[in-house]
């Protein structure tokens, strides 16, 4: 079972919004966390954690549960944004 297109679109829009906000706050992030060894991992985890909440919430609003395959698809969706986040910190 594939993720419904509207849920996928909603999740991807949320991830893109979070990435654009990261770009805006990047100067603050670098100053606030100067000793962090890998800010890209932290930011990626925060963004994907937020997107996961949106993903599960979209299913809950439909009174459904995501399947294991749906979570696998979510992982594939989120992974395609990893490089974009890494580029902020290189």
C-alpha atoms as a PDB file:
ATOM      1  CA  UNK A   1       0.000   0.000   0.000  1.00  0.00           C
ATOM      2  CA  UNK A   2       1.453   3.336  -1.023  1.00  0.00           C
ATOM      3  CA  UNK A   3       1.186   6.495   1.000  1.00  0.00           C
ATOM      4  CA  UNK A   4      -1.798   8.550  -0.220  1.00  0.00           C
ATOM      5  CA  UNK A   5      -0.592  11.311  -2.537  1.00  0.00           C
ATOM      6  CA  UNK A   6      -2.110  14.069  -0.413  1.00  0.00           C
ATOM      7  CA  UNK A   7      -0.339  12.781   2.706  1.00  0.00           C
ATOM      8  CA  UNK A   8       2.975  12.577   0.835  1.00  0.00           C
ATOM      9  CA  UNK A   9       2.510  16.110  -0.521  1.00  0.00           C
ATOM     10  CA  UNK A  10       1.663  17.443   2.938  1.00  0.00           C
ATOM     11  CA  UNK A  11       4.707  15.776   4.514  1.00  0.00           C
ATOM     12  CA  UNK A  12       7.050  16.998   1.768  1.00  0.00           C
ATOM     13  CA  UNK A  13       5.740  20.559   2.021  1.00  0.00           C
ATOM     14  CA  UNK A  14       6.354  20.410   5.769  1.00  0.00           C
ATOM     15  CA  UNK A  15       9.929  19.165   5.271  1.00  0.00           C
ATOM     16  CA  UNK A  16      10.600  21.893   2.695  1.00  0.00           C
ATOM     17  CA  UNK A  17       9.237  24.534   5.069  1.00  0.00           C
ATOM     18  CA  UNK A  18      11.476  23.263   7.867  1.00  0.00           C
ATOM     19  CA  UNK A  19      14.495  23.303   5.534  1.00  0.00           C
ATOM     20  CA  UNK A  20      13.778  26.887   4.493  1.00  0.00           C
ATOM     21  CA  UNK A  21      13.478  27.860   8.152  1.00  0.00           C
ATOM     22  CA  UNK A  22      16.808  26.158   8.832  1.00  0.00           C
ATOM     23  CA  UNK A  23      18.398  28.268   6.134  1.00  0.00           C
ATOM     24  CA  UNK A  24      16.969  31.402   7.761  1.00  0.00           C
ATOM     25  CA  UNK A  25      18.187  30.436  11.229  1.00  0.00           C
ATOM     26  CA  UNK A  26      21.560  29.088  10.083  1.00  0.00           C
ATOM     27  CA  UNK A  27      23.606  32.041  11.441  1.00  0.00           C
ATOM     28  CA  UNK A  28      21.971  31.599  14.847  1.00  0.00           C
ATOM     29  CA  UNK A  29      22.449  27.814  14.807  1.00  0.00           C
ATOM     30  CA  UNK A  30      26.163  28.147  14.122  1.00  0.00           C
ATOM     31  CA  UNK A  31      26.645  30.723  16.902  1.00  0.00           C
ATOM     32  CA  UNK A  32      24.439  28.960  19.439  1.00  0.00           C
ATOM     33  CA  UNK A  33      26.020  25.531  18.992  1.00  0.00           C
ATOM     34  CA  UNK A  34      29.709  26.134  18.232  1.00  0.00           C
ATOM     35  CA  UNK A  35      30.904  22.914  19.892  1.00  0.00           C
ATOM     36  CA  UNK A  36      28.466  20.514  18.272  1.00  0.00           C
ATOM     37  CA  UNK A  37      30.334  17.967  16.217  1.00  0.00           C
ATOM     38  CA  UNK A  38      27.625  17.328  13.644  1.00  0.00           C
ATOM     39  CA  UNK A  39      24.924  19.956  13.404  1.00  0.00           C
ATOM     40  CA  UNK A  40      23.645  18.455  10.156  1.00  0.00           C
ATOM     41  CA  UNK A  41      22.614  15.268  11.973  1.00  0.00           C
ATOM     42  CA  UNK A  42      20.875  17.223  14.714  1.00  0.00           C
ATOM     43  CA  UNK A  43      18.991  19.445  12.296  1.00  0.00           C
ATOM     44  CA  UNK A  44      18.049  16.490  10.081  1.00  0.00           C
ATOM     45  CA  UNK A  45      16.741  14.564  13.089  1.00  0.00           C
ATOM     46  CA  UNK A  46      14.681  17.541  14.256  1.00  0.00           C
ATOM     47  CA  UNK A  47      13.169  18.106  10.817  1.00  0.00           C
ATOM     48  CA  UNK A  48      12.385  14.445  10.207  1.00  0.00           C
ATOM     49  CA  UNK A  49      11.015  14.020  13.734  1.00  0.00           C
ATOM     50  CA  UNK A  50       8.660  16.901  13.094  1.00  0.00           C
ATOM     51  CA  UNK A  51       7.706  15.484   9.694  1.00  0.00           C
ATOM     52  CA  UNK A  52       7.056  12.065  11.271  1.00  0.00           C
ATOM     53  CA  UNK A  53       4.589  13.691  13.643  1.00  0.00           C
ATOM     54  CA  UNK A  54       2.834  15.326  10.677  1.00  0.00           C
ATOM     55  CA  UNK A  55       2.845  11.990   8.814  1.00  0.00           C
ATOM     56  CA  UNK A  56       1.227  10.050  11.662  1.00  0.00           C
ATOM     57  CA  UNK A  57      -1.215  12.891  12.326  1.00  0.00           C
ATOM     58  CA  UNK A  58      -2.403  12.821   8.699  1.00  0.00           C
ATOM     59  CA  UNK A  59      -3.308   9.155   9.116  1.00  0.00           C
ATOM     60  CA  UNK A  60      -4.979   9.786  12.475  1.00  0.00           C
ATOM     61  CA  UNK A  61      -7.207  12.445  10.905  1.00  0.00           C
ATOM     62  CA  UNK A  62      -8.386   9.749   8.474  1.00  0.00           C
ATOM     63  CA  UNK A  63      -8.859   7.322  11.377  1.00  0.00           C
ATOM     64  CA  UNK A  64      -6.288   4.961   9.854  1.00  0.00           C
ATOM     65  CA  UNK A  65      -2.937   3.555  10.875  1.00  0.00           C
ATOM     66  CA  UNK A  66       0.189   3.693   8.716  1.00  0.00           C
ATOM     67  CA  UNK A  67       1.486   0.261   7.784  1.00  0.00           C
ATOM     68  CA  UNK A  68       5.095  -0.894   7.933  1.00  0.00           C
ATOM     69  CA  UNK A  69       5.285  -0.228   4.190  1.00  0.00           C
ATOM     70  CA  UNK A  70       4.008   3.313   4.756  1.00  0.00           C
ATOM     71  CA  UNK A  71       6.805   3.923   7.262  1.00  0.00           C
ATOM     72  CA  UNK A  72       9.314   2.535   4.769  1.00  0.00           C
ATOM     73  CA  UNK A  73       7.996   4.989   2.175  1.00  0.00           C
ATOM     74  CA  UNK A  74       8.222   7.814   4.723  1.00  0.00           C
ATOM     75  CA  UNK A  75      11.877   6.896   5.242  1.00  0.00           C
ATOM     76  CA  UNK A  76      12.488   7.091   1.497  1.00  0.00           C
ATOM     77  CA  UNK A  77      10.774  10.488   1.297  1.00  0.00           C
ATOM     78  CA  UNK A  78      12.791  11.899   4.187  1.00  0.00           C
ATOM     79  CA  UNK A  79      16.106  10.508   2.965  1.00  0.00           C
ATOM     80  CA  UNK A  80      15.936  12.448  -0.286  1.00  0.00           C
ATOM     81  CA  UNK A  81      16.252  15.700   1.714  1.00  0.00           C
ATOM     82  CA  UNK A  82      19.332  14.615   3.670  1.00  0.00           C
ATOM     83  CA  UNK A  83      21.891  16.023   1.226  1.00  0.00           C
ATOM     84  CA  UNK A  84      20.111  19.369   1.137  1.00  0.00           C
ATOM     85  CA  UNK A  85      20.452  19.671   4.922  1.00  0.00           C
ATOM     86  CA  UNK A  86      24.070  18.481   4.877  1.00  0.00           C
ATOM     87  CA  UNK A  87      24.955  21.248   2.407  1.00  0.00           C
ATOM     88  CA  UNK A  88      24.072  23.908   4.997  1.00  0.00           C
ATOM     89  CA  UNK A  89      26.928  22.702   7.181  1.00  0.00           C
ATOM     90  CA  UNK A  90      29.718  22.026   4.691  1.00  0.00           C
END
